[in-house]
Amino acid sequence: METGRESGQLVFEVQSQVPGTGLLNLQSSCPGDGTCELEVRGGSGLLNRMSRETVSVPDTTREIRLNGEILWQDGVMISPRCRQLYSYANGYAGDVQQMHLAAPPDPDLPVTIEADTEDPAHCGWTYRVEAERRLPAESLREAAWLAMVLTPNLDKVTYRFDREEPLVFTRQALAETLGHKPDIESPADLQRIMNRILPAAG
């Protein structure tokens, strides 16, 4: 986590993810191109292990990687979920793999995906669920909006459940919430949007 700025330096605290494992050492390398690499090794079973350690990097740093994975970029901490979803950014609505982004977040539900990809100017996904809805509308809205953020030509996501009115989420409503077009050019762009539309983005 970022903890502040001191004398032209950004200060970060690195904490052991697994209780009792600790950190053996933390090394940093900042070649002066705006990037920094941090390398952390665990100290399980060693007497000199620590649960946390601080590291300072130049305040001109734009990107920090921890053990090869992007951790911080342009002033934003990058969550593991953001790193996972960034590979889908700027995807195409006709891609079957992309369509699973908005699937109801319940693996036990029998879902059929229908996609309207004939007209490139208007693409929509419909999820037919052969069961009553047991997910809150907010969870489905978050999944739909996140899919639209990652899929520029996706305009509408519809969820149809047994004996219920369908839930429809549109790009227009997403745009009104964000106040801008959700352009994704970096993990930091995606993380900022996730922080806006997901209550616990991270």
N, C-alpha and C. Protein backbone atom coordinates (compact mmCIF):
# COMPACT_ATOMS: atom_id res chain seq x y z
N MET A 1 0.85 -1.19 0.00
CA MET A 1 0.00 0.00 0.00
C MET A 1 0.87 1.24 0.00
N GLU A 2 0.35 2.31 -0.63
CA GLU A 2 1.06 3.58 -0.63
C GLU A 2 0.79 4.29 0.69
N THR A 3 1.84 4.78 1.33
CA THR A 3 1.65 5.40 2.64
C THR A 3 1.94 6.90 2.65
N GLY A 4 2.54 7.45 1.59
CA GLY A 4 2.76 8.89 1.57
C GLY A 4 3.96 9.28 0.74
N ARG A 5 4.37 10.54 0.90
CA ARG A 5 5.53 11.09 0.19
C ARG A 5 6.45 11.75 1.20
N GLU A 6 7.74 11.55 1.00
CA GLU A 6 8.74 12.15 1.88
C GLU A 6 9.96 12.54 1.06
N SER A 7 10.29 13.84 1.07
CA SER A 7 11.52 14.33 0.44
C SER A 7 11.70 13.83 -0.99
N GLY A 8 10.67 14.01 -1.82
CA GLY A 8 10.77 13.62 -3.21
C GLY A 8 10.69 12.12 -3.46
N GLN A 9 10.22 11.39 -2.45
CA GLN A 9 10.11 9.94 -2.58
C GLN A 9 8.66 9.51 -2.31
N LEU A 10 8.22 8.48 -3.03
CA LEU A 10 6.96 7.80 -2.71
C LEU A 10 7.29 6.66 -1.76
N VAL A 11 6.50 6.52 -0.72
CA VAL A 11 6.76 5.49 0.29
C VAL A 11 5.66 4.44 0.23
N PHE A 12 6.06 3.18 0.17
CA PHE A 12 5.12 2.06 0.13
C PHE A 12 5.43 1.10 1.27
N GLU A 13 4.40 0.48 1.77
CA GLU A 13 4.57 -0.57 2.77
C GLU A 13 4.20 -1.90 2.15
N VAL A 14 5.09 -2.87 2.26
CA VAL A 14 4.84 -4.22 1.76
C VAL A 14 4.63 -5.11 2.97
N GLN A 15 3.50 -5.81 2.97
CA GLN A 15 3.15 -6.65 4.12
C GLN A 15 3.02 -8.09 3.67
N SER A 16 3.44 -9.01 4.51
CA SER A 16 3.34 -10.43 4.19
C SER A 16 1.89 -10.83 4.00
N GLN A 17 1.61 -11.54 2.90
CA GLN A 17 0.24 -11.93 2.61
C GLN A 17 -0.21 -13.10 3.47
N VAL A 18 0.72 -14.00 3.79
CA VAL A 18 0.39 -15.19 4.59
C VAL A 18 0.87 -14.99 6.02
N PRO A 19 -0.05 -14.97 6.99
CA PRO A 19 0.37 -14.77 8.39
C PRO A 19 1.41 -15.80 8.80
N GLY A 20 2.47 -15.35 9.46
CA GLY A 20 3.50 -16.26 9.95
C GLY A 20 4.61 -16.52 8.96
N THR A 21 4.42 -16.15 7.68
CA THR A 21 5.47 -16.40 6.70
C THR A 21 6.53 -15.32 6.79
N GLY A 22 6.10 -14.07 6.73
CA GLY A 22 7.03 -12.96 6.85
C GLY A 22 7.82 -12.70 5.58
N LEU A 23 8.65 -11.67 5.64
CA LEU A 23 9.49 -11.27 4.52
C LEU A 23 10.94 -11.47 4.91
N LEU A 24 11.71 -12.05 4.00
CA LEU A 24 13.13 -12.19 4.27
C LEU A 24 13.87 -10.93 3.84
N ASN A 25 13.63 -10.49 2.63
CA ASN A 25 14.21 -9.22 2.22
C ASN A 25 13.42 -8.64 1.06
N LEU A 26 13.59 -7.35 0.86
CA LEU A 26 12.92 -6.62 -0.21
C LEU A 26 13.98 -5.81 -0.93
N GLN A 27 14.10 -6.01 -2.23
CA GLN A 27 15.06 -5.28 -3.03
C GLN A 27 14.31 -4.46 -4.07
N SER A 28 14.80 -3.25 -4.35
CA SER A 28 14.16 -2.40 -5.35
C SER A 28 15.18 -1.96 -6.38
N SER A 29 14.70 -1.78 -7.60
CA SER A 29 15.53 -1.32 -8.71
C SER A 29 14.73 -0.30 -9.50
N CYS A 30 15.22 0.93 -9.58
CA CYS A 30 14.55 2.01 -10.30
C CYS A 30 15.54 2.60 -11.30
N PRO A 31 15.51 2.15 -12.54
CA PRO A 31 16.52 2.58 -13.52
C PRO A 31 16.39 4.03 -14.00
N GLY A 32 15.34 4.75 -13.61
CA GLY A 32 15.21 6.14 -14.00
C GLY A 32 14.32 6.38 -15.19
N ASP A 33 13.63 5.35 -15.66
CA ASP A 33 12.71 5.48 -16.79
C ASP A 33 11.25 5.57 -16.35
N GLY A 34 11.03 5.83 -15.06
CA GLY A 34 9.66 5.93 -14.55
C GLY A 34 9.11 4.61 -14.04
N THR A 35 9.90 3.54 -14.11
CA THR A 35 9.45 2.25 -13.61
C THR A 35 10.36 1.79 -12.47
N CYS A 36 9.79 0.98 -11.59
CA CYS A 36 10.56 0.38 -10.50
C CYS A 36 10.17 -1.08 -10.38
N GLU A 37 11.15 -1.90 -10.10
CA GLU A 37 10.92 -3.33 -9.87
C GLU A 37 11.22 -3.63 -8.41
N LEU A 38 10.26 -4.26 -7.72
CA LEU A 38 10.47 -4.71 -6.35
C LEU A 38 10.54 -6.23 -6.36
N GLU A 39 11.47 -6.76 -5.60
CA GLU A 39 11.56 -8.22 -5.46
C GLU A 39 11.51 -8.56 -3.99
N VAL A 40 10.58 -9.43 -3.63
CA VAL A 40 10.39 -9.82 -2.24
C VAL A 40 10.55 -11.33 -2.13
N ARG A 41 11.29 -11.75 -1.14
CA ARG A 41 11.40 -13.18 -0.86
C ARG A 41 10.84 -13.46 0.53
N GLY A 42 10.14 -14.57 0.66
CA GLY A 42 9.56 -14.94 1.94
C GLY A 42 10.62 -15.42 2.91
N GLY A 43 10.30 -15.33 4.20
CA GLY A 43 11.26 -15.72 5.23
C GLY A 43 10.71 -16.77 6.16
N SER A 44 9.90 -17.69 5.65
CA SER A 44 9.28 -18.70 6.50
C SER A 44 10.34 -19.53 7.21
N GLY A 45 10.19 -19.63 8.52
CA GLY A 45 11.09 -20.46 9.31
C GLY A 45 12.40 -19.80 9.67
N LEU A 46 12.62 -18.57 9.24
CA LEU A 46 13.88 -17.89 9.54
C LEU A 46 13.69 -16.89 10.68
N LEU A 47 14.71 -16.72 11.47
CA LEU A 47 14.61 -15.85 12.64
C LEU A 47 14.50 -14.38 12.27
N ASN A 48 15.10 -13.98 11.12
CA ASN A 48 15.11 -12.56 10.78
C ASN A 48 13.96 -12.15 9.89
N ARG A 49 12.90 -12.93 9.87
CA ARG A 49 11.76 -12.56 9.04
C ARG A 49 11.01 -11.38 9.66
N MET A 50 10.35 -10.62 8.81
CA MET A 50 9.55 -9.47 9.25
C MET A 50 8.17 -9.58 8.64
N SER A 51 7.16 -9.04 9.31
CA SER A 51 5.80 -9.10 8.76
C SER A 51 5.55 -8.01 7.74
N ARG A 52 6.35 -6.92 7.82
CA ARG A 52 6.16 -5.81 6.89
C ARG A 52 7.47 -5.05 6.73
N GLU A 53 7.56 -4.34 5.61
CA GLU A 53 8.75 -3.55 5.35
C GLU A 53 8.36 -2.37 4.47
N THR A 54 9.06 -1.26 4.60
CA THR A 54 8.76 -0.09 3.76
C THR A 54 9.85 0.06 2.71
N VAL A 55 9.45 0.67 1.59
CA VAL A 55 10.38 0.93 0.50
C VAL A 55 10.04 2.30 -0.07
N SER A 56 11.07 3.04 -0.45
CA SER A 56 10.89 4.36 -1.05
C SER A 56 11.37 4.34 -2.49
N VAL A 57 10.61 5.01 -3.37
CA VAL A 57 10.98 5.11 -4.78
C VAL A 57 10.86 6.58 -5.18
N PRO A 58 11.55 7.01 -6.24
CA PRO A 58 11.43 8.41 -6.67
C PRO A 58 9.98 8.79 -6.97
N ASP A 59 9.61 10.03 -6.63
CA ASP A 59 8.22 10.45 -6.87
C ASP A 59 7.93 10.69 -8.35
N THR A 60 8.92 10.49 -9.21
CA THR A 60 8.69 10.54 -10.66
C THR A 60 8.29 9.17 -11.20
N THR A 61 8.22 8.18 -10.32
CA THR A 61 7.86 6.82 -10.73
C THR A 61 6.41 6.78 -11.21
N ARG A 62 6.18 6.09 -12.33
CA ARG A 62 4.83 5.95 -12.87
C ARG A 62 4.31 4.52 -12.74
N GLU A 63 5.22 3.56 -12.55
CA GLU A 63 4.78 2.17 -12.50
C GLU A 63 5.71 1.36 -11.59
N ILE A 64 5.11 0.54 -10.74
CA ILE A 64 5.87 -0.34 -9.86
C ILE A 64 5.39 -1.77 -10.07
N ARG A 65 6.35 -2.67 -10.22
CA ARG A 65 6.04 -4.10 -10.32
C ARG A 65 6.62 -4.82 -9.12
N LEU A 66 5.85 -5.76 -8.60
CA LEU A 66 6.27 -6.55 -7.46
C LEU A 66 6.41 -8.00 -7.91
N ASN A 67 7.63 -8.51 -7.85
CA ASN A 67 7.91 -9.87 -8.33
C ASN A 67 7.34 -10.09 -9.73
N GLY A 68 7.47 -9.06 -10.58
CA GLY A 68 7.06 -9.18 -11.98
C GLY A 68 5.63 -8.80 -12.28
N GLU A 69 4.78 -8.62 -11.26
CA GLU A 69 3.38 -8.26 -11.47
C GLU A 69 3.15 -6.79 -11.16
N ILE A 70 2.37 -6.13 -12.00
CA ILE A 70 2.13 -4.70 -11.80
C ILE A 70 1.36 -4.50 -10.49
N LEU A 71 1.87 -3.58 -9.69
CA LEU A 71 1.32 -3.34 -8.35
C LEU A 71 0.70 -1.95 -8.23
N TRP A 72 1.32 -0.98 -8.90
CA TRP A 72 0.92 0.42 -8.77
C TRP A 72 1.21 1.11 -10.08
N GLN A 73 0.31 1.97 -10.53
CA GLN A 73 0.51 2.66 -11.80
C GLN A 73 -0.22 4.00 -11.77
N ASP A 74 0.50 5.05 -12.12
CA ASP A 74 -0.08 6.39 -12.22
C ASP A 74 -0.93 6.76 -11.01
N GLY A 75 -0.42 6.46 -9.83
CA GLY A 75 -1.09 6.85 -8.59
C GLY A 75 -2.19 5.93 -8.12
N VAL A 76 -2.34 4.77 -8.74
CA VAL A 76 -3.42 3.85 -8.38
C VAL A 76 -2.84 2.49 -8.03
N MET A 77 -3.27 1.91 -6.90
CA MET A 77 -2.90 0.53 -6.58
C MET A 77 -3.69 -0.39 -7.49
N ILE A 78 -3.02 -1.34 -8.13
CA ILE A 78 -3.66 -2.26 -9.07
C ILE A 78 -3.99 -3.56 -8.34
N SER A 79 -5.28 -3.89 -8.26
CA SER A 79 -5.72 -5.07 -7.53
C SER A 79 -5.50 -6.34 -8.37
N PRO A 80 -5.42 -7.49 -7.71
CA PRO A 80 -5.30 -8.75 -8.46
C PRO A 80 -6.44 -8.95 -9.45
N ARG A 81 -7.66 -8.54 -9.09
CA ARG A 81 -8.79 -8.70 -10.01
C ARG A 81 -8.62 -7.83 -11.25
N CYS A 82 -8.09 -6.63 -11.07
CA CYS A 82 -7.84 -5.75 -12.21
C CYS A 82 -6.80 -6.38 -13.13
N ARG A 83 -5.74 -6.93 -12.55
CA ARG A 83 -4.71 -7.59 -13.37
C ARG A 83 -5.31 -8.73 -14.18
N GLN A 84 -6.22 -9.48 -13.55
CA GLN A 84 -6.85 -10.61 -14.24
C GLN A 84 -7.74 -10.13 -15.38
N LEU A 85 -8.54 -9.09 -15.13
CA LEU A 85 -9.50 -8.63 -16.12
C LEU A 85 -8.88 -7.79 -17.23
N TYR A 86 -7.73 -7.22 -16.98
CA TYR A 86 -7.13 -6.33 -17.98
C TYR A 86 -6.87 -7.06 -19.31
N SER A 87 -6.66 -8.36 -19.26
CA SER A 87 -6.42 -9.12 -20.50
C SER A 87 -7.65 -9.11 -21.41
N TYR A 88 -8.84 -8.78 -20.87
CA TYR A 88 -10.07 -8.72 -21.66
C TYR A 88 -10.34 -7.32 -22.21
N ALA A 89 -9.55 -6.33 -21.82
CA ALA A 89 -9.82 -4.95 -22.20
C ALA A 89 -9.82 -4.78 -23.72
N ASN A 90 -10.78 -3.99 -24.20
CA ASN A 90 -10.94 -3.70 -25.63
C ASN A 90 -11.23 -4.95 -26.45
N GLY A 91 -11.97 -5.87 -25.84
CA GLY A 91 -12.39 -7.08 -26.54
C GLY A 91 -13.58 -6.80 -27.46
N TYR A 92 -13.95 -7.82 -28.22
CA TYR A 92 -15.03 -7.71 -29.20
C TYR A 92 -16.27 -8.44 -28.70
N ALA A 93 -17.43 -7.83 -28.87
CA ALA A 93 -18.66 -8.40 -28.34
C ALA A 93 -19.04 -9.72 -28.99
N GLY A 94 -18.47 -10.04 -30.14
CA GLY A 94 -18.77 -11.31 -30.79
C GLY A 94 -17.91 -12.46 -30.31
N ASP A 95 -17.01 -12.21 -29.38
CA ASP A 95 -16.10 -13.23 -28.87
C ASP A 95 -16.79 -14.00 -27.74
N VAL A 96 -16.91 -15.32 -27.91
CA VAL A 96 -17.60 -16.14 -26.91
C VAL A 96 -16.91 -16.04 -25.56
N GLN A 97 -15.58 -16.02 -25.55
CA GLN A 97 -14.87 -15.91 -24.28
C GLN A 97 -15.21 -14.60 -23.58
N GLN A 98 -15.35 -13.53 -24.35
CA GLN A 98 -15.70 -12.23 -23.79
C GLN A 98 -17.09 -12.26 -23.15
N MET A 99 -18.00 -13.04 -23.74
CA MET A 99 -19.38 -13.08 -23.27
C MET A 99 -19.50 -13.63 -21.84
N HIS A 100 -18.53 -14.40 -21.42
CA HIS A 100 -18.61 -14.96 -20.07
C HIS A 100 -18.34 -13.92 -18.99
N LEU A 101 -17.88 -12.73 -19.38
CA LEU A 101 -17.62 -11.68 -18.40
C LEU A 101 -18.88 -11.25 -17.66
N ALA A 102 -20.02 -11.27 -18.34
CA ALA A 102 -21.25 -10.78 -17.73
C ALA A 102 -22.16 -11.92 -17.27
N ALA A 103 -21.68 -13.14 -17.32
CA ALA A 103 -22.49 -14.26 -16.87
C ALA A 103 -22.83 -14.10 -15.39
N PRO A 104 -24.03 -14.48 -14.97
CA PRO A 104 -24.39 -14.35 -13.55
C PRO A 104 -23.34 -15.03 -12.67
N PRO A 105 -22.87 -14.34 -11.64
CA PRO A 105 -21.79 -14.88 -10.80
C PRO A 105 -22.27 -15.97 -9.84
N ASP A 106 -22.85 -17.02 -10.40
CA ASP A 106 -23.31 -18.16 -9.61
C ASP A 106 -23.10 -19.40 -10.47
N PRO A 107 -22.08 -20.21 -10.20
CA PRO A 107 -21.75 -21.35 -11.06
C PRO A 107 -22.83 -22.43 -11.11
N ASP A 108 -23.78 -22.41 -10.17
CA ASP A 108 -24.80 -23.45 -10.13
C ASP A 108 -26.02 -23.12 -11.01
N LEU A 109 -26.09 -21.91 -11.56
CA LEU A 109 -27.24 -21.53 -12.37
C LEU A 109 -27.09 -22.06 -13.80
N PRO A 110 -28.15 -22.68 -14.34
CA PRO A 110 -28.12 -23.09 -15.75
C PRO A 110 -28.36 -21.89 -16.66
N VAL A 111 -27.33 -21.46 -17.38
CA VAL A 111 -27.38 -20.23 -18.17
C VAL A 111 -27.16 -20.53 -19.64
N THR A 112 -27.99 -19.91 -20.50
CA THR A 112 -27.79 -19.94 -21.94
C THR A 112 -27.49 -18.53 -22.40
N ILE A 113 -26.41 -18.37 -23.16
CA ILE A 113 -26.03 -17.04 -23.64
C ILE A 113 -26.49 -16.86 -25.08
N GLU A 114 -27.21 -15.75 -25.31
CA GLU A 114 -27.61 -15.39 -26.67
C GLU A 114 -26.97 -14.05 -27.00
N ALA A 115 -26.38 -13.94 -28.18
CA ALA A 115 -25.68 -12.71 -28.55
C ALA A 115 -26.15 -12.21 -29.90
N ASP A 116 -26.41 -10.91 -29.96
CA ASP A 116 -26.76 -10.26 -31.22
C ASP A 116 -25.51 -9.58 -31.76
N THR A 117 -24.85 -10.24 -32.68
CA THR A 117 -23.60 -9.68 -33.23
C THR A 117 -23.71 -9.42 -34.73
N GLU A 118 -24.92 -9.47 -35.27
CA GLU A 118 -25.09 -9.25 -36.71
C GLU A 118 -24.82 -7.80 -37.10
N ASP A 119 -25.25 -6.88 -36.24
CA ASP A 119 -25.08 -5.45 -36.52
C ASP A 119 -23.94 -4.92 -35.65
N PRO A 120 -22.77 -4.63 -36.26
CA PRO A 120 -21.63 -4.17 -35.45
C PRO A 120 -21.90 -2.90 -34.68
N ALA A 121 -22.89 -2.10 -35.13
CA ALA A 121 -23.18 -0.84 -34.45
C ALA A 121 -24.04 -1.03 -33.20
N HIS A 122 -24.61 -2.21 -33.05
CA HIS A 122 -25.48 -2.44 -31.89
C HIS A 122 -25.35 -3.90 -31.47
N CYS A 123 -24.63 -4.16 -30.42
CA CYS A 123 -24.44 -5.53 -29.95
C CYS A 123 -25.02 -5.68 -28.55
N GLY A 124 -25.68 -6.79 -28.34
CA GLY A 124 -26.25 -7.06 -27.03
C GLY A 124 -26.08 -8.52 -26.67
N TRP A 125 -25.98 -8.78 -25.37
CA TRP A 125 -25.91 -10.15 -24.86
C TRP A 125 -27.13 -10.38 -23.99
N THR A 126 -27.73 -11.57 -24.11
CA THR A 126 -28.85 -11.96 -23.26
C THR A 126 -28.49 -13.26 -22.55
N TYR A 127 -28.73 -13.29 -21.26
CA TYR A 127 -28.46 -14.48 -20.45
C TYR A 127 -29.80 -15.03 -19.98
N ARG A 128 -30.17 -16.21 -20.50
CA ARG A 128 -31.41 -16.86 -20.08
C ARG A 128 -31.08 -17.87 -18.98
N VAL A 129 -31.71 -17.66 -17.83
CA VAL A 129 -31.45 -18.50 -16.67
C VAL A 129 -32.71 -19.29 -16.35
N GLU A 130 -32.57 -20.61 -16.36
CA GLU A 130 -33.73 -21.48 -16.10
C GLU A 130 -33.91 -21.68 -14.60
N ALA A 131 -34.10 -20.58 -13.92
CA ALA A 131 -34.30 -20.61 -12.47
C ALA A 131 -34.78 -19.23 -12.04
N GLU A 132 -35.28 -19.14 -10.83
CA GLU A 132 -35.66 -17.85 -10.30
C GLU A 132 -34.40 -17.09 -9.88
N ARG A 133 -34.51 -15.78 -9.93
CA ARG A 133 -33.34 -14.96 -9.59
C ARG A 133 -33.08 -15.01 -8.10
N ARG A 134 -31.87 -15.39 -7.74
CA ARG A 134 -31.47 -15.38 -6.34
C ARG A 134 -30.24 -14.50 -6.13
N LEU A 135 -29.94 -13.72 -7.14
CA LEU A 135 -28.82 -12.77 -7.05
C LEU A 135 -29.38 -11.35 -6.98
N PRO A 136 -28.80 -10.48 -6.17
CA PRO A 136 -29.29 -9.10 -6.13
C PRO A 136 -29.03 -8.41 -7.46
N ALA A 137 -29.92 -7.49 -7.82
CA ALA A 137 -29.78 -6.76 -9.08
C ALA A 137 -28.45 -6.01 -9.13
N GLU A 138 -27.94 -5.57 -7.98
CA GLU A 138 -26.68 -4.83 -7.96
C GLU A 138 -25.52 -5.70 -8.45
N SER A 139 -25.51 -6.98 -8.08
CA SER A 139 -24.43 -7.87 -8.54
C SER A 139 -24.47 -8.06 -10.05
N LEU A 140 -25.68 -8.18 -10.59
CA LEU A 140 -25.82 -8.35 -12.03
C LEU A 140 -25.46 -7.05 -12.76
N ARG A 141 -25.84 -5.93 -12.19
CA ARG A 141 -25.48 -4.65 -12.80
C ARG A 141 -23.96 -4.48 -12.85
N GLU A 142 -23.28 -4.83 -11.77
CA GLU A 142 -21.82 -4.71 -11.74
C GLU A 142 -21.18 -5.59 -12.80
N ALA A 143 -21.67 -6.82 -12.95
CA ALA A 143 -21.12 -7.72 -13.97
C ALA A 143 -21.37 -7.17 -15.36
N ALA A 144 -22.56 -6.64 -15.61
CA ALA A 144 -22.90 -6.10 -16.93
C ALA A 144 -22.07 -4.87 -17.25
N TRP A 145 -21.97 -3.97 -16.29
CA TRP A 145 -21.20 -2.74 -16.53
C TRP A 145 -19.72 -3.04 -16.74
N LEU A 146 -19.18 -3.95 -15.95
CA LEU A 146 -17.78 -4.29 -16.10
C LEU A 146 -17.53 -4.90 -17.48
N ALA A 147 -18.47 -5.73 -17.95
CA ALA A 147 -18.35 -6.30 -19.29
C ALA A 147 -18.38 -5.21 -20.35
N MET A 148 -19.22 -4.20 -20.17
CA MET A 148 -19.29 -3.09 -21.14
C MET A 148 -18.01 -2.26 -21.12
N VAL A 149 -17.44 -2.07 -19.94
CA VAL A 149 -16.18 -1.34 -19.84
C VAL A 149 -15.09 -2.06 -20.65
N LEU A 150 -15.08 -3.37 -20.57
CA LEU A 150 -14.05 -4.18 -21.23
C LEU A 150 -14.36 -4.49 -22.69
N THR A 151 -15.59 -4.20 -23.12
CA THR A 151 -16.04 -4.56 -24.46
C THR A 151 -16.66 -3.34 -25.13
N PRO A 152 -15.87 -2.55 -25.87
CA PRO A 152 -16.35 -1.26 -26.37
C PRO A 152 -17.61 -1.32 -27.24
N ASN A 153 -17.83 -2.39 -28.02
CA ASN A 153 -19.01 -2.41 -28.90
C ASN A 153 -20.18 -3.19 -28.29
N LEU A 154 -20.16 -3.38 -26.98
CA LEU A 154 -21.28 -3.99 -26.28
C LEU A 154 -22.17 -2.88 -25.73
N ASP A 155 -23.45 -2.85 -26.16
CA ASP A 155 -24.35 -1.76 -25.79
C ASP A 155 -25.37 -2.14 -24.72
N LYS A 156 -25.68 -3.45 -24.61
CA LYS A 156 -26.77 -3.83 -23.71
C LYS A 156 -26.55 -5.25 -23.21
N VAL A 157 -26.86 -5.46 -21.93
CA VAL A 157 -26.83 -6.79 -21.33
C VAL A 157 -28.19 -7.04 -20.68
N THR A 158 -28.81 -8.16 -21.03
CA THR A 158 -30.14 -8.51 -20.51
C THR A 158 -30.06 -9.84 -19.76
N TYR A 159 -30.70 -9.89 -18.61
CA TYR A 159 -30.81 -11.13 -17.83
C TYR A 159 -32.27 -11.52 -17.75
N ARG A 160 -32.60 -12.73 -18.19
CA ARG A 160 -33.97 -13.24 -18.14
C ARG A 160 -34.04 -14.44 -17.21
N PHE A 161 -34.89 -14.32 -16.20
CA PHE A 161 -35.08 -15.40 -15.23
C PHE A 161 -36.52 -15.91 -15.33
N ASP A 162 -36.76 -17.10 -14.79
CA ASP A 162 -38.11 -17.66 -14.79
C ASP A 162 -39.07 -16.77 -14.02
N ARG A 163 -40.24 -16.50 -14.61
CA ARG A 163 -41.35 -15.83 -13.95
C ARG A 163 -40.97 -14.46 -13.38
N GLU A 164 -40.06 -13.76 -14.02
CA GLU A 164 -39.68 -12.42 -13.57
C GLU A 164 -39.47 -11.52 -14.77
N GLU A 165 -39.64 -10.24 -14.54
CA GLU A 165 -39.32 -9.27 -15.58
C GLU A 165 -37.82 -9.29 -15.84
N PRO A 166 -37.40 -9.17 -17.08
CA PRO A 166 -35.96 -9.17 -17.35
C PRO A 166 -35.28 -7.93 -16.77
N LEU A 167 -34.02 -8.08 -16.44
CA LEU A 167 -33.19 -6.96 -16.00
C LEU A 167 -32.34 -6.54 -17.19
N VAL A 168 -32.38 -5.25 -17.54
CA VAL A 168 -31.64 -4.75 -18.70
C VAL A 168 -30.71 -3.64 -18.24
N PHE A 169 -29.44 -3.76 -18.63
CA PHE A 169 -28.44 -2.76 -18.29
C PHE A 169 -27.82 -2.24 -19.59
N THR A 170 -27.70 -0.93 -19.70
CA THR A 170 -27.28 -0.32 -20.96
C THR A 170 -25.99 0.49 -20.80
N ARG A 171 -25.34 0.68 -21.93
CA ARG A 171 -24.14 1.51 -21.96
C ARG A 171 -24.45 2.96 -21.59
N GLN A 172 -25.65 3.41 -21.95
CA GLN A 172 -26.03 4.78 -21.63
C GLN A 172 -26.04 5.01 -20.12
N ALA A 173 -26.60 4.06 -19.38
CA ALA A 173 -26.63 4.20 -17.91
C ALA A 173 -25.22 4.14 -17.33
N LEU A 174 -24.37 3.30 -17.91
CA LEU A 174 -22.98 3.24 -17.47
C LEU A 174 -22.29 4.58 -17.70
N ALA A 175 -22.49 5.15 -18.89
CA ALA A 175 -21.86 6.43 -19.23
C ALA A 175 -22.34 7.54 -18.29
N GLU A 176 -23.62 7.52 -17.93
CA GLU A 176 -24.15 8.54 -17.02
C GLU A 176 -23.52 8.41 -15.64
N THR A 177 -23.24 7.19 -15.22
CA THR A 177 -22.62 6.97 -13.91
C THR A 177 -21.16 7.40 -13.91
N LEU A 178 -20.44 7.03 -14.97
CA LEU A 178 -19.02 7.36 -15.04
C LEU A 178 -18.78 8.83 -15.38
N GLY A 179 -19.66 9.38 -16.22
CA GLY A 179 -19.48 10.75 -16.66
C GLY A 179 -18.48 10.92 -17.79
N HIS A 180 -17.98 9.80 -18.31
CA HIS A 180 -17.04 9.86 -19.43
C HIS A 180 -17.04 8.51 -20.14
N LYS A 181 -16.45 8.48 -21.32
CA LYS A 181 -16.33 7.24 -22.08
C LYS A 181 -15.29 6.35 -21.41
N PRO A 182 -15.60 5.08 -21.17
CA PRO A 182 -14.65 4.22 -20.45
C PRO A 182 -13.52 3.70 -21.34
N ASP A 183 -12.60 4.59 -21.70
CA ASP A 183 -11.45 4.17 -22.50
C ASP A 183 -10.44 3.47 -21.60
N ILE A 184 -9.96 2.31 -22.05
CA ILE A 184 -9.01 1.53 -21.27
C ILE A 184 -7.70 1.41 -22.05
N GLU A 185 -6.69 2.13 -21.60
CA GLU A 185 -5.38 2.05 -22.24
C GLU A 185 -4.32 1.47 -21.32
N SER A 186 -4.64 1.33 -20.05
CA SER A 186 -3.68 0.81 -19.08
C SER A 186 -4.43 0.18 -17.91
N PRO A 187 -3.75 -0.66 -17.12
CA PRO A 187 -4.40 -1.19 -15.91
C PRO A 187 -4.90 -0.08 -14.99
N ALA A 188 -4.21 1.05 -14.94
CA ALA A 188 -4.65 2.14 -14.07
C ALA A 188 -6.01 2.68 -14.52
N ASP A 189 -6.22 2.77 -15.85
CA ASP A 189 -7.52 3.22 -16.35
C ASP A 189 -8.63 2.28 -15.87
N LEU A 190 -8.38 0.97 -16.00
CA LEU A 190 -9.38 -0.01 -15.59
C LEU A 190 -9.61 0.04 -14.09
N GLN A 191 -8.55 0.17 -13.31
CA GLN A 191 -8.71 0.19 -11.85
C GLN A 191 -9.53 1.38 -11.40
N ARG A 192 -9.30 2.55 -12.01
CA ARG A 192 -10.07 3.73 -11.62
C ARG A 192 -11.56 3.52 -11.88
N ILE A 193 -11.88 2.90 -13.03
CA ILE A 193 -13.29 2.64 -13.35
C ILE A 193 -13.86 1.60 -12.39
N MET A 194 -13.11 0.55 -12.09
CA MET A 194 -13.57 -0.45 -11.15
C MET A 194 -13.84 0.18 -9.78
N ASN A 195 -13.00 1.11 -9.39
CA ASN A 195 -13.19 1.78 -8.10
C ASN A 195 -14.50 2.58 -8.07
N ARG A 196 -14.96 3.01 -9.24
CA ARG A 196 -16.20 3.79 -9.35
C ARG A 196 -17.44 2.90 -9.37
N ILE A 197 -17.39 1.81 -10.13
CA ILE A 197 -18.63 1.05 -10.37
C ILE A 197 -18.75 -0.20 -9.51
N LEU A 198 -17.69 -0.60 -8.84
CA LEU A 198 -17.76 -1.76 -7.95
C LEU A 198 -17.54 -1.29 -6.51
N PRO A 199 -18.39 -1.68 -5.61
CA PRO A 199 -18.24 -1.21 -4.23
C PRO A 199 -16.97 -1.70 -3.56
N ALA A 200 -16.48 -2.87 -3.93
CA ALA A 200 -15.26 -3.40 -3.31
C ALA A 200 -14.30 -3.83 -4.42
N ALA A 201 -13.96 -2.87 -5.29
CA ALA A 201 -13.09 -3.18 -6.44
C ALA A 201 -11.69 -3.50 -5.95
N GLY A 202 -11.30 -4.64 -5.92
CA GLY A 202 -10.00 -4.99 -5.39
C GLY A 202 -10.14 -6.28 -4.64
